[in-house]
Structure formats: structure tokens, C-alpha cells
Amino acid sequence: MGSSSLIRVPLVRNISQLPEDNYGRDGFSHVTVAGSALHGMKEVEVWLQTLTPGSHTPIHRHSCEEVFVVLKGSGTLFLASSSHEKYPGKPQEFPIFANSTFHIPVNDAHQVWNTNEHEDLQFLAIISRPPVKVFTYEDWFMPHIAAKLKFPYYWDEQCLQQPVKDEL
């Protein structure tokens, strides 16, 4: 394999200097800390995401494991552990807070809300088997077979469009 196919990024990076975008979603910020498309990660991917008060992720699922580490703020995790049924169904609600961590089982529909009126909710999300294929739902009773597939996902799509520099 030629060296021109390698992605060249610094080993040590300042998170505050990494590309950040909202991908057209108000109240949302995403930074790929370590990713498949940009950094060549094969087993895990790490995201830093921020939700402003009242904002939320879409209801979604993916066929990978996901671990959250809440850095600041508080909110609510909605989790429907019914991937074996025809639709997600009524989700369980779990309070999340700074210094909390939780994981999402493979293919379980979930959603994170910032329910704190005064502070951003910021977390690291670590996923297995990148790049992620995301299935989104309009509500908790939308059938799994009707969920919309988005692949590559917004931040991977953008990374794939950027030309790779060969510094040799």
C-alpha cells in the first residue's frame, strides 16, 4: 500500500481546534475527536457533542455499541429496549448528569434531550465498528422497517468530501 493512501493528521490534537459543525440542526454541535473517515479508526469512533437547552438528538438506532460520558449539564435519555418488536414503543426515561456514563445496546432506539433550561449538555459518545449507519424515526411507534437509513452520516459524509493531503 502506498503512503499516499494514508490519512495524515497530527497524533496529538487540540479538541478546541478540531472542525465543529451543527449539520443544519439548531442547538447541536458535533466534533469528531477520532473517526473512521478522518483518522482511519477501524474499531471505535469518538465524538464530542453539545446540545443547547431544549434541544435533542433524533430518535435513532444503529447496529453498534455506544457509550456516553456526560461532561457537563444534565438531561434525559429515552431508551426503547424493544429492537425485537415491530417498532421501538414507549421508551424508558433515565436522568443523565455531569460525570454520569451509560451505554446503548446494539439496535435499541434512543434519544438524548437537554432538559436543563440553564446549561448546555455536553458529552463524549464512543461508538464501535465505525462508520456508523444511523436509522432515524419520526416517533416511537414508527415501524423499524420504515426508519430512514442515513449512511454515510453527516460528519462522515463531510469528511469523505474533503481531499486527503499527501504530505510526502
N, C-alpha and C. Protein backbone atom coordinates (compact mmCIF):
# COMPACT_ATOMS: atom_id res chain seq x y z
N MET A 1 0.86 -1.18 0.00
CA MET A 1 0.00 0.00 0.00
C MET A 1 0.89 1.23 0.00
N GLY A 2 0.65 2.15 -0.90
CA GLY A 2 1.44 3.38 -0.98
C GLY A 2 1.12 4.34 0.14
N SER A 3 2.07 5.19 0.48
CA SER A 3 1.86 6.13 1.58
C SER A 3 0.84 7.21 1.21
N SER A 4 0.56 7.38 -0.08
CA SER A 4 -0.40 8.41 -0.47
C SER A 4 -1.82 8.05 -0.03
N SER A 5 -2.06 6.76 0.31
CA SER A 5 -3.40 6.37 0.75
C SER A 5 -3.59 6.58 2.25
N LEU A 6 -2.53 6.92 2.97
CA LEU A 6 -2.65 7.15 4.40
C LEU A 6 -3.19 8.54 4.68
N ILE A 7 -4.02 8.62 5.71
CA ILE A 7 -4.54 9.91 6.13
C ILE A 7 -3.55 10.48 7.13
N ARG A 8 -3.11 11.70 6.89
CA ARG A 8 -2.09 12.29 7.75
C ARG A 8 -2.70 13.38 8.63
N VAL A 9 -2.83 13.06 9.90
CA VAL A 9 -3.28 14.05 10.88
C VAL A 9 -2.32 13.98 12.05
N PRO A 10 -2.17 15.08 12.79
CA PRO A 10 -1.26 15.04 13.94
C PRO A 10 -1.73 14.01 14.96
N LEU A 11 -0.78 13.36 15.62
CA LEU A 11 -1.11 12.37 16.65
C LEU A 11 -1.80 13.04 17.83
N VAL A 12 -1.27 14.19 18.26
CA VAL A 12 -1.85 14.93 19.37
C VAL A 12 -2.58 16.13 18.79
N ARG A 13 -3.87 16.24 19.11
CA ARG A 13 -4.70 17.31 18.56
C ARG A 13 -5.39 18.08 19.68
N ASN A 14 -5.58 19.37 19.49
CA ASN A 14 -6.31 20.21 20.45
C ASN A 14 -7.78 20.16 20.06
N ILE A 15 -8.63 19.63 20.95
CA ILE A 15 -10.05 19.46 20.63
C ILE A 15 -10.68 20.79 20.22
N SER A 16 -10.28 21.88 20.87
CA SER A 16 -10.89 23.18 20.55
C SER A 16 -10.51 23.67 19.16
N GLN A 17 -9.54 23.03 18.52
CA GLN A 17 -9.15 23.43 17.16
C GLN A 17 -9.65 22.46 16.09
N LEU A 18 -10.40 21.44 16.50
CA LEU A 18 -10.94 20.49 15.53
C LEU A 18 -12.19 21.06 14.87
N PRO A 19 -12.50 20.63 13.64
CA PRO A 19 -13.70 21.13 12.96
C PRO A 19 -14.97 20.82 13.75
N GLU A 20 -15.84 21.82 13.86
CA GLU A 20 -17.11 21.70 14.59
C GLU A 20 -18.21 22.16 13.66
N ASP A 21 -19.35 21.48 13.69
CA ASP A 21 -20.47 21.85 12.82
C ASP A 21 -21.78 21.44 13.49
N ASN A 22 -22.88 22.06 13.05
CA ASN A 22 -24.20 21.66 13.56
C ASN A 22 -24.97 20.86 12.52
N TYR A 23 -24.42 20.74 11.31
CA TYR A 23 -25.03 19.95 10.24
C TYR A 23 -26.50 20.30 10.03
N GLY A 24 -26.79 21.60 10.12
CA GLY A 24 -28.13 22.10 9.85
C GLY A 24 -29.12 21.91 10.99
N ARG A 25 -28.64 21.51 12.17
CA ARG A 25 -29.53 21.30 13.31
C ARG A 25 -29.32 22.39 14.35
N ASP A 26 -30.35 23.14 14.61
CA ASP A 26 -30.26 24.16 15.65
C ASP A 26 -30.02 23.52 17.00
N GLY A 27 -29.17 24.15 17.81
CA GLY A 27 -28.94 23.69 19.17
C GLY A 27 -28.04 22.49 19.28
N PHE A 28 -27.33 22.15 18.19
CA PHE A 28 -26.50 20.94 18.17
C PHE A 28 -25.10 21.29 17.70
N SER A 29 -24.11 20.68 18.30
CA SER A 29 -22.72 20.83 17.86
C SER A 29 -22.06 19.46 17.88
N HIS A 30 -21.28 19.17 16.83
CA HIS A 30 -20.59 17.89 16.72
C HIS A 30 -19.12 18.12 16.37
N VAL A 31 -18.23 17.43 17.08
CA VAL A 31 -16.81 17.39 16.77
C VAL A 31 -16.40 15.92 16.73
N THR A 32 -15.81 15.48 15.64
CA THR A 32 -15.26 14.13 15.59
C THR A 32 -13.88 14.20 16.21
N VAL A 33 -13.73 13.63 17.40
CA VAL A 33 -12.45 13.64 18.11
C VAL A 33 -11.52 12.62 17.47
N ALA A 34 -12.04 11.44 17.16
CA ALA A 34 -11.29 10.40 16.47
C ALA A 34 -12.30 9.62 15.63
N GLY A 35 -12.08 9.55 14.34
CA GLY A 35 -13.09 8.94 13.48
C GLY A 35 -12.53 8.06 12.39
N SER A 36 -13.43 7.33 11.75
CA SER A 36 -13.02 6.40 10.70
C SER A 36 -12.62 7.14 9.42
N ALA A 37 -13.47 8.07 8.98
CA ALA A 37 -13.22 8.74 7.71
C ALA A 37 -12.03 9.70 7.80
N LEU A 38 -11.91 10.42 8.89
CA LEU A 38 -10.87 11.44 9.01
C LEU A 38 -9.56 10.90 9.57
N HIS A 39 -9.63 9.94 10.50
CA HIS A 39 -8.44 9.48 11.19
C HIS A 39 -8.11 8.01 10.95
N GLY A 40 -8.91 7.33 10.15
CA GLY A 40 -8.63 5.94 9.83
C GLY A 40 -8.95 4.95 10.94
N MET A 41 -9.78 5.35 11.90
CA MET A 41 -10.14 4.45 13.01
C MET A 41 -10.96 3.28 12.46
N LYS A 42 -10.69 2.09 12.99
CA LYS A 42 -11.39 0.89 12.50
C LYS A 42 -12.31 0.27 13.54
N GLU A 43 -12.00 0.39 14.82
CA GLU A 43 -12.73 -0.29 15.88
C GLU A 43 -13.64 0.62 16.69
N VAL A 44 -13.24 1.87 16.89
CA VAL A 44 -14.02 2.82 17.68
C VAL A 44 -13.99 4.20 17.03
N GLU A 45 -14.96 5.00 17.41
CA GLU A 45 -15.01 6.39 16.97
C GLU A 45 -15.45 7.21 18.18
N VAL A 46 -14.91 8.41 18.34
CA VAL A 46 -15.22 9.26 19.49
C VAL A 46 -15.73 10.60 19.01
N TRP A 47 -16.87 11.01 19.56
CA TRP A 47 -17.48 12.30 19.21
C TRP A 47 -17.63 13.14 20.46
N LEU A 48 -17.50 14.44 20.30
CA LEU A 48 -17.83 15.40 21.34
C LEU A 48 -19.07 16.13 20.84
N GLN A 49 -20.17 16.01 21.57
CA GLN A 49 -21.42 16.62 21.12
C GLN A 49 -21.99 17.51 22.22
N THR A 50 -22.60 18.60 21.78
CA THR A 50 -23.19 19.56 22.71
C THR A 50 -24.61 19.87 22.25
N LEU A 51 -25.54 19.84 23.21
CA LEU A 51 -26.94 20.19 22.96
C LEU A 51 -27.27 21.40 23.81
N THR A 52 -27.81 22.45 23.20
CA THR A 52 -28.23 23.63 23.96
C THR A 52 -29.53 23.32 24.69
N PRO A 53 -29.91 24.13 25.67
CA PRO A 53 -31.15 23.87 26.42
C PRO A 53 -32.35 23.64 25.49
N GLY A 54 -33.08 22.56 25.74
CA GLY A 54 -34.28 22.25 24.97
C GLY A 54 -34.03 21.47 23.69
N SER A 55 -32.79 21.31 23.28
CA SER A 55 -32.52 20.59 22.02
C SER A 55 -32.30 19.10 22.30
N HIS A 56 -32.28 18.31 21.23
CA HIS A 56 -32.22 16.86 21.37
C HIS A 56 -31.70 16.21 20.11
N THR A 57 -31.27 14.98 20.25
CA THR A 57 -30.90 14.18 19.09
C THR A 57 -32.19 13.64 18.47
N PRO A 58 -32.14 13.15 17.23
CA PRO A 58 -33.32 12.47 16.70
C PRO A 58 -33.51 11.13 17.41
N ILE A 59 -34.70 10.56 17.32
CA ILE A 59 -34.90 9.18 17.76
C ILE A 59 -34.17 8.34 16.72
N HIS A 60 -33.26 7.49 17.17
CA HIS A 60 -32.46 6.74 16.21
C HIS A 60 -31.93 5.45 16.82
N ARG A 61 -31.41 4.59 15.94
CA ARG A 61 -30.73 3.36 16.37
C ARG A 61 -29.59 3.09 15.39
N HIS A 62 -28.68 2.23 15.83
CA HIS A 62 -27.57 1.82 14.98
C HIS A 62 -27.06 0.46 15.44
N SER A 63 -26.45 -0.28 14.52
CA SER A 63 -26.02 -1.65 14.81
C SER A 63 -24.60 -1.67 15.37
N CYS A 64 -24.36 -0.82 16.35
CA CYS A 64 -23.07 -0.79 17.03
C CYS A 64 -23.32 -0.45 18.49
N GLU A 65 -22.31 -0.71 19.31
CA GLU A 65 -22.40 -0.31 20.71
C GLU A 65 -22.08 1.17 20.81
N GLU A 66 -22.64 1.84 21.83
CA GLU A 66 -22.36 3.25 22.04
C GLU A 66 -22.28 3.50 23.54
N VAL A 67 -21.23 4.22 23.93
CA VAL A 67 -21.03 4.60 25.33
C VAL A 67 -21.02 6.13 25.40
N PHE A 68 -21.75 6.68 26.36
CA PHE A 68 -21.77 8.12 26.59
C PHE A 68 -21.05 8.44 27.90
N VAL A 69 -20.30 9.53 27.90
CA VAL A 69 -19.71 10.09 29.11
C VAL A 69 -20.16 11.55 29.16
N VAL A 70 -21.01 11.88 30.13
CA VAL A 70 -21.55 13.24 30.23
C VAL A 70 -20.52 14.13 30.92
N LEU A 71 -20.09 15.17 30.21
CA LEU A 71 -19.05 16.07 30.72
C LEU A 71 -19.64 17.22 31.51
N LYS A 72 -20.76 17.77 31.01
CA LYS A 72 -21.40 18.87 31.75
C LYS A 72 -22.88 18.92 31.41
N GLY A 73 -23.64 19.55 32.32
CA GLY A 73 -25.07 19.70 32.10
C GLY A 73 -25.85 18.50 32.60
N SER A 74 -27.11 18.48 32.22
CA SER A 74 -27.99 17.38 32.60
C SER A 74 -29.09 17.26 31.55
N GLY A 75 -29.76 16.13 31.58
CA GLY A 75 -30.81 15.91 30.59
C GLY A 75 -31.50 14.59 30.84
N THR A 76 -32.10 14.07 29.76
CA THR A 76 -32.84 12.82 29.85
C THR A 76 -32.48 11.92 28.68
N LEU A 77 -32.20 10.66 29.00
CA LEU A 77 -32.03 9.63 27.99
C LEU A 77 -33.36 8.92 27.84
N PHE A 78 -33.83 8.80 26.61
CA PHE A 78 -35.01 7.99 26.29
C PHE A 78 -34.49 6.75 25.58
N LEU A 79 -34.84 5.57 26.10
CA LEU A 79 -34.32 4.32 25.56
C LEU A 79 -35.46 3.31 25.43
N ALA A 80 -35.64 2.80 24.21
CA ALA A 80 -36.64 1.76 23.94
C ALA A 80 -35.90 0.45 23.68
N SER A 81 -35.91 -0.43 24.65
CA SER A 81 -35.18 -1.70 24.52
C SER A 81 -36.08 -2.76 23.88
N SER A 82 -36.57 -2.46 22.70
CA SER A 82 -37.50 -3.39 22.04
C SER A 82 -37.15 -3.56 20.57
N SER A 83 -35.85 -3.71 20.30
CA SER A 83 -35.43 -3.85 18.90
C SER A 83 -36.00 -5.12 18.27
N HIS A 84 -36.47 -6.07 19.10
CA HIS A 84 -37.03 -7.33 18.58
C HIS A 84 -38.52 -7.17 18.22
N GLU A 85 -39.15 -6.07 18.60
CA GLU A 85 -40.56 -5.84 18.27
C GLU A 85 -40.67 -5.18 16.89
N LYS A 86 -41.89 -4.81 16.47
CA LYS A 86 -42.08 -4.20 15.16
C LYS A 86 -41.73 -2.71 15.15
N TYR A 87 -41.76 -2.06 16.32
CA TYR A 87 -41.43 -0.64 16.44
C TYR A 87 -40.83 -0.41 17.83
N PRO A 88 -40.16 0.71 18.05
CA PRO A 88 -39.50 0.92 19.35
C PRO A 88 -40.45 0.89 20.55
N GLY A 89 -41.61 1.54 20.46
CA GLY A 89 -42.54 1.57 21.59
C GLY A 89 -42.17 2.63 22.61
N LYS A 90 -42.98 2.73 23.64
CA LYS A 90 -42.77 3.76 24.67
C LYS A 90 -41.40 3.58 25.33
N PRO A 91 -40.56 4.62 25.31
CA PRO A 91 -39.22 4.48 25.87
C PRO A 91 -39.21 4.63 27.40
N GLN A 92 -38.20 4.05 28.01
CA GLN A 92 -37.92 4.33 29.42
C GLN A 92 -37.17 5.67 29.47
N GLU A 93 -37.31 6.38 30.57
CA GLU A 93 -36.62 7.66 30.76
C GLU A 93 -35.60 7.52 31.88
N PHE A 94 -34.39 8.04 31.62
CA PHE A 94 -33.32 7.99 32.60
C PHE A 94 -32.71 9.39 32.74
N PRO A 95 -32.60 9.91 33.97
CA PRO A 95 -31.93 11.20 34.13
C PRO A 95 -30.42 11.01 33.91
N ILE A 96 -29.81 11.94 33.18
CA ILE A 96 -28.36 11.93 32.97
C ILE A 96 -27.81 13.24 33.50
N PHE A 97 -26.54 13.23 33.90
CA PHE A 97 -25.97 14.39 34.59
C PHE A 97 -24.46 14.37 34.44
N ALA A 98 -23.81 15.49 34.73
CA ALA A 98 -22.36 15.57 34.63
C ALA A 98 -21.72 14.45 35.44
N ASN A 99 -20.72 13.82 34.85
CA ASN A 99 -19.98 12.71 35.44
C ASN A 99 -20.74 11.39 35.39
N SER A 100 -21.87 11.34 34.69
CA SER A 100 -22.56 10.06 34.52
C SER A 100 -22.12 9.42 33.21
N THR A 101 -22.31 8.13 33.13
CA THR A 101 -22.00 7.40 31.91
C THR A 101 -23.08 6.35 31.70
N PHE A 102 -23.33 6.01 30.46
CA PHE A 102 -24.31 4.98 30.14
C PHE A 102 -23.99 4.41 28.78
N HIS A 103 -24.51 3.22 28.50
CA HIS A 103 -24.29 2.62 27.18
C HIS A 103 -25.63 2.28 26.55
N ILE A 104 -25.61 2.25 25.23
CA ILE A 104 -26.80 1.94 24.44
C ILE A 104 -26.60 0.57 23.82
N PRO A 105 -27.47 -0.39 24.10
CA PRO A 105 -27.34 -1.70 23.46
C PRO A 105 -27.53 -1.60 21.94
N VAL A 106 -26.89 -2.52 21.22
CA VAL A 106 -26.98 -2.57 19.76
C VAL A 106 -28.44 -2.57 19.31
N ASN A 107 -28.76 -1.70 18.37
CA ASN A 107 -30.07 -1.60 17.72
C ASN A 107 -31.22 -1.13 18.61
N ASP A 108 -30.96 -0.66 19.83
CA ASP A 108 -32.03 -0.11 20.65
C ASP A 108 -32.22 1.37 20.29
N ALA A 109 -33.46 1.73 19.97
CA ALA A 109 -33.76 3.12 19.63
C ALA A 109 -33.59 3.99 20.88
N HIS A 110 -33.01 5.18 20.66
CA HIS A 110 -32.76 6.07 21.79
C HIS A 110 -32.75 7.53 21.33
N GLN A 111 -32.82 8.40 22.31
CA GLN A 111 -32.82 9.84 22.06
C GLN A 111 -32.29 10.52 23.32
N VAL A 112 -31.49 11.56 23.14
CA VAL A 112 -30.97 12.33 24.27
C VAL A 112 -31.52 13.75 24.18
N TRP A 113 -32.10 14.21 25.28
CA TRP A 113 -32.65 15.57 25.37
C TRP A 113 -31.87 16.37 26.41
N ASN A 114 -31.59 17.64 26.11
CA ASN A 114 -31.11 18.55 27.13
C ASN A 114 -32.35 19.16 27.78
N THR A 115 -32.71 18.70 28.95
CA THR A 115 -33.89 19.18 29.66
C THR A 115 -33.54 20.24 30.70
N ASN A 116 -32.26 20.66 30.71
CA ASN A 116 -31.80 21.70 31.61
C ASN A 116 -32.00 23.05 30.92
N GLU A 117 -32.77 23.95 31.52
CA GLU A 117 -33.06 25.25 30.88
C GLU A 117 -31.91 26.23 30.92
N HIS A 118 -30.88 25.93 31.74
CA HIS A 118 -29.85 26.93 32.00
C HIS A 118 -28.45 26.57 31.53
N GLU A 119 -28.24 25.35 31.04
CA GLU A 119 -26.88 24.93 30.74
C GLU A 119 -26.86 23.97 29.55
N ASP A 120 -25.80 24.07 28.75
CA ASP A 120 -25.60 23.10 27.68
C ASP A 120 -25.38 21.71 28.25
N LEU A 121 -25.77 20.70 27.50
CA LEU A 121 -25.48 19.31 27.81
C LEU A 121 -24.35 18.89 26.87
N GLN A 122 -23.23 18.48 27.43
CA GLN A 122 -22.08 18.10 26.60
C GLN A 122 -21.61 16.71 27.00
N PHE A 123 -21.34 15.88 25.99
CA PHE A 123 -20.92 14.51 26.26
C PHE A 123 -19.99 14.00 25.19
N LEU A 124 -19.22 13.00 25.57
CA LEU A 124 -18.46 12.22 24.61
C LEU A 124 -19.31 11.02 24.26
N ALA A 125 -19.37 10.67 22.99
CA ALA A 125 -20.04 9.45 22.54
C ALA A 125 -18.98 8.60 21.86
N ILE A 126 -18.86 7.36 22.30
CA ILE A 126 -17.90 6.43 21.74
C ILE A 126 -18.69 5.30 21.09
N ILE A 127 -18.46 5.07 19.80
CA ILE A 127 -19.19 4.01 19.10
C ILE A 127 -18.21 2.95 18.61
N SER A 128 -18.72 1.74 18.48
CA SER A 128 -17.92 0.65 17.93
C SER A 128 -18.20 0.53 16.43
N ARG A 129 -17.32 -0.16 15.75
CA ARG A 129 -17.50 -0.50 14.33
C ARG A 129 -17.84 0.68 13.43
N PRO A 130 -17.04 1.74 13.43
CA PRO A 130 -17.34 2.86 12.55
C PRO A 130 -17.05 2.51 11.10
N PRO A 131 -17.59 3.25 10.14
CA PRO A 131 -18.50 4.38 10.31
C PRO A 131 -19.93 3.91 10.61
N VAL A 132 -20.66 4.73 11.35
CA VAL A 132 -21.98 4.35 11.84
C VAL A 132 -23.05 4.48 10.75
N LYS A 133 -23.96 3.51 10.72
CA LYS A 133 -25.15 3.58 9.88
C LYS A 133 -26.30 3.91 10.81
N VAL A 134 -26.95 5.05 10.60
CA VAL A 134 -27.98 5.53 11.53
C VAL A 134 -29.37 5.38 10.89
N PHE A 135 -30.29 4.81 11.66
CA PHE A 135 -31.69 4.69 11.25
C PHE A 135 -32.49 5.65 12.13
N THR A 136 -33.20 6.61 11.53
CA THR A 136 -33.95 7.61 12.30
C THR A 136 -35.45 7.34 12.22
N TYR A 137 -36.13 7.76 13.28
CA TYR A 137 -37.57 7.56 13.45
C TYR A 137 -38.25 8.90 13.66
N GLU A 138 -39.47 9.04 13.15
CA GLU A 138 -40.23 10.26 13.38
C GLU A 138 -40.93 10.23 14.73
N ASP A 139 -41.24 9.03 15.22
CA ASP A 139 -41.81 8.89 16.56
C ASP A 139 -41.51 7.47 17.05
N TRP A 140 -41.87 7.18 18.30
CA TRP A 140 -41.53 5.91 18.93
C TRP A 140 -42.37 4.74 18.41
N PHE A 141 -43.40 5.04 17.62
CA PHE A 141 -44.26 3.97 17.12
C PHE A 141 -44.14 3.78 15.61
N MET A 142 -43.12 4.39 15.01
CA MET A 142 -42.81 4.19 13.60
C MET A 142 -42.18 2.79 13.46
N PRO A 143 -42.67 1.96 12.52
CA PRO A 143 -42.10 0.61 12.38
C PRO A 143 -40.61 0.65 12.02
N HIS A 144 -39.85 -0.32 12.55
CA HIS A 144 -38.41 -0.40 12.25
C HIS A 144 -38.16 -0.40 10.74
N ILE A 145 -39.02 -1.10 10.01
CA ILE A 145 -38.79 -1.20 8.56
C ILE A 145 -39.02 0.13 7.84
N ALA A 146 -39.66 1.09 8.50
CA ALA A 146 -39.89 2.41 7.89
C ALA A 146 -38.83 3.44 8.32
N ALA A 147 -37.97 3.07 9.26
CA ALA A 147 -36.92 4.00 9.71
C ALA A 147 -36.04 4.38 8.53
N LYS A 148 -35.58 5.63 8.53
CA LYS A 148 -34.78 6.13 7.41
C LYS A 148 -33.29 5.90 7.66
N LEU A 149 -32.62 5.23 6.72
CA LEU A 149 -31.18 4.99 6.83
C LEU A 149 -30.43 6.22 6.35
N LYS A 150 -29.44 6.67 7.13
CA LYS A 150 -28.53 7.74 6.71
C LYS A 150 -27.12 7.18 6.79
N PHE A 151 -26.51 6.97 5.64
CA PHE A 151 -25.15 6.46 5.57
C PHE A 151 -24.50 6.92 4.27
N PRO A 152 -23.33 7.51 4.27
CA PRO A 152 -22.60 7.86 5.49
C PRO A 152 -23.33 8.96 6.27
N TYR A 153 -23.10 9.01 7.59
CA TYR A 153 -23.77 10.01 8.41
C TYR A 153 -23.15 11.38 8.12
N TYR A 154 -23.81 12.44 8.53
CA TYR A 154 -23.45 13.81 8.13
C TYR A 154 -21.97 14.13 8.28
N TRP A 155 -21.39 13.82 9.45
CA TRP A 155 -19.99 14.19 9.65
C TRP A 155 -19.06 13.30 8.85
N ASP A 156 -19.38 12.03 8.66
CA ASP A 156 -18.56 11.17 7.81
C ASP A 156 -18.67 11.59 6.35
N GLU A 157 -19.86 11.94 5.94
CA GLU A 157 -20.10 12.40 4.57
C GLU A 157 -19.22 13.61 4.27
N GLN A 158 -19.17 14.56 5.21
CA GLN A 158 -18.38 15.76 5.01
C GLN A 158 -16.88 15.43 4.97
N CYS A 159 -16.45 14.53 5.85
CA CYS A 159 -15.04 14.14 5.87
C CYS A 159 -14.63 13.48 4.56
N LEU A 160 -15.51 12.65 4.00
CA LEU A 160 -15.20 11.95 2.76
C LEU A 160 -15.12 12.90 1.58
N GLN A 161 -15.75 14.07 1.69
CA GLN A 161 -15.70 15.04 0.59
C GLN A 161 -14.41 15.86 0.61
N GLN A 162 -13.74 15.92 1.77
CA GLN A 162 -12.52 16.70 1.87
C GLN A 162 -11.38 15.94 1.25
N PRO A 163 -10.59 16.59 0.36
CA PRO A 163 -9.47 15.89 -0.25
C PRO A 163 -8.42 15.55 0.82
N VAL A 164 -7.83 14.38 0.68
CA VAL A 164 -6.77 13.95 1.58
C VAL A 164 -5.46 14.50 1.06
N LYS A 165 -4.69 15.14 1.93
CA LYS A 165 -3.40 15.71 1.53
C LYS A 165 -2.31 14.66 1.63
N ASP A 166 -1.48 14.58 0.61
CA ASP A 166 -0.31 13.72 0.65
C ASP A 166 0.86 14.63 0.94
N GLU A 167 1.43 14.51 2.15
CA GLU A 167 2.47 15.44 2.54
C GLU A 167 3.86 14.96 2.18
N LEU A 168 3.99 13.82 1.48
CA LEU A 168 5.32 13.35 1.09
C LEU A 168 5.79 14.01 -0.18
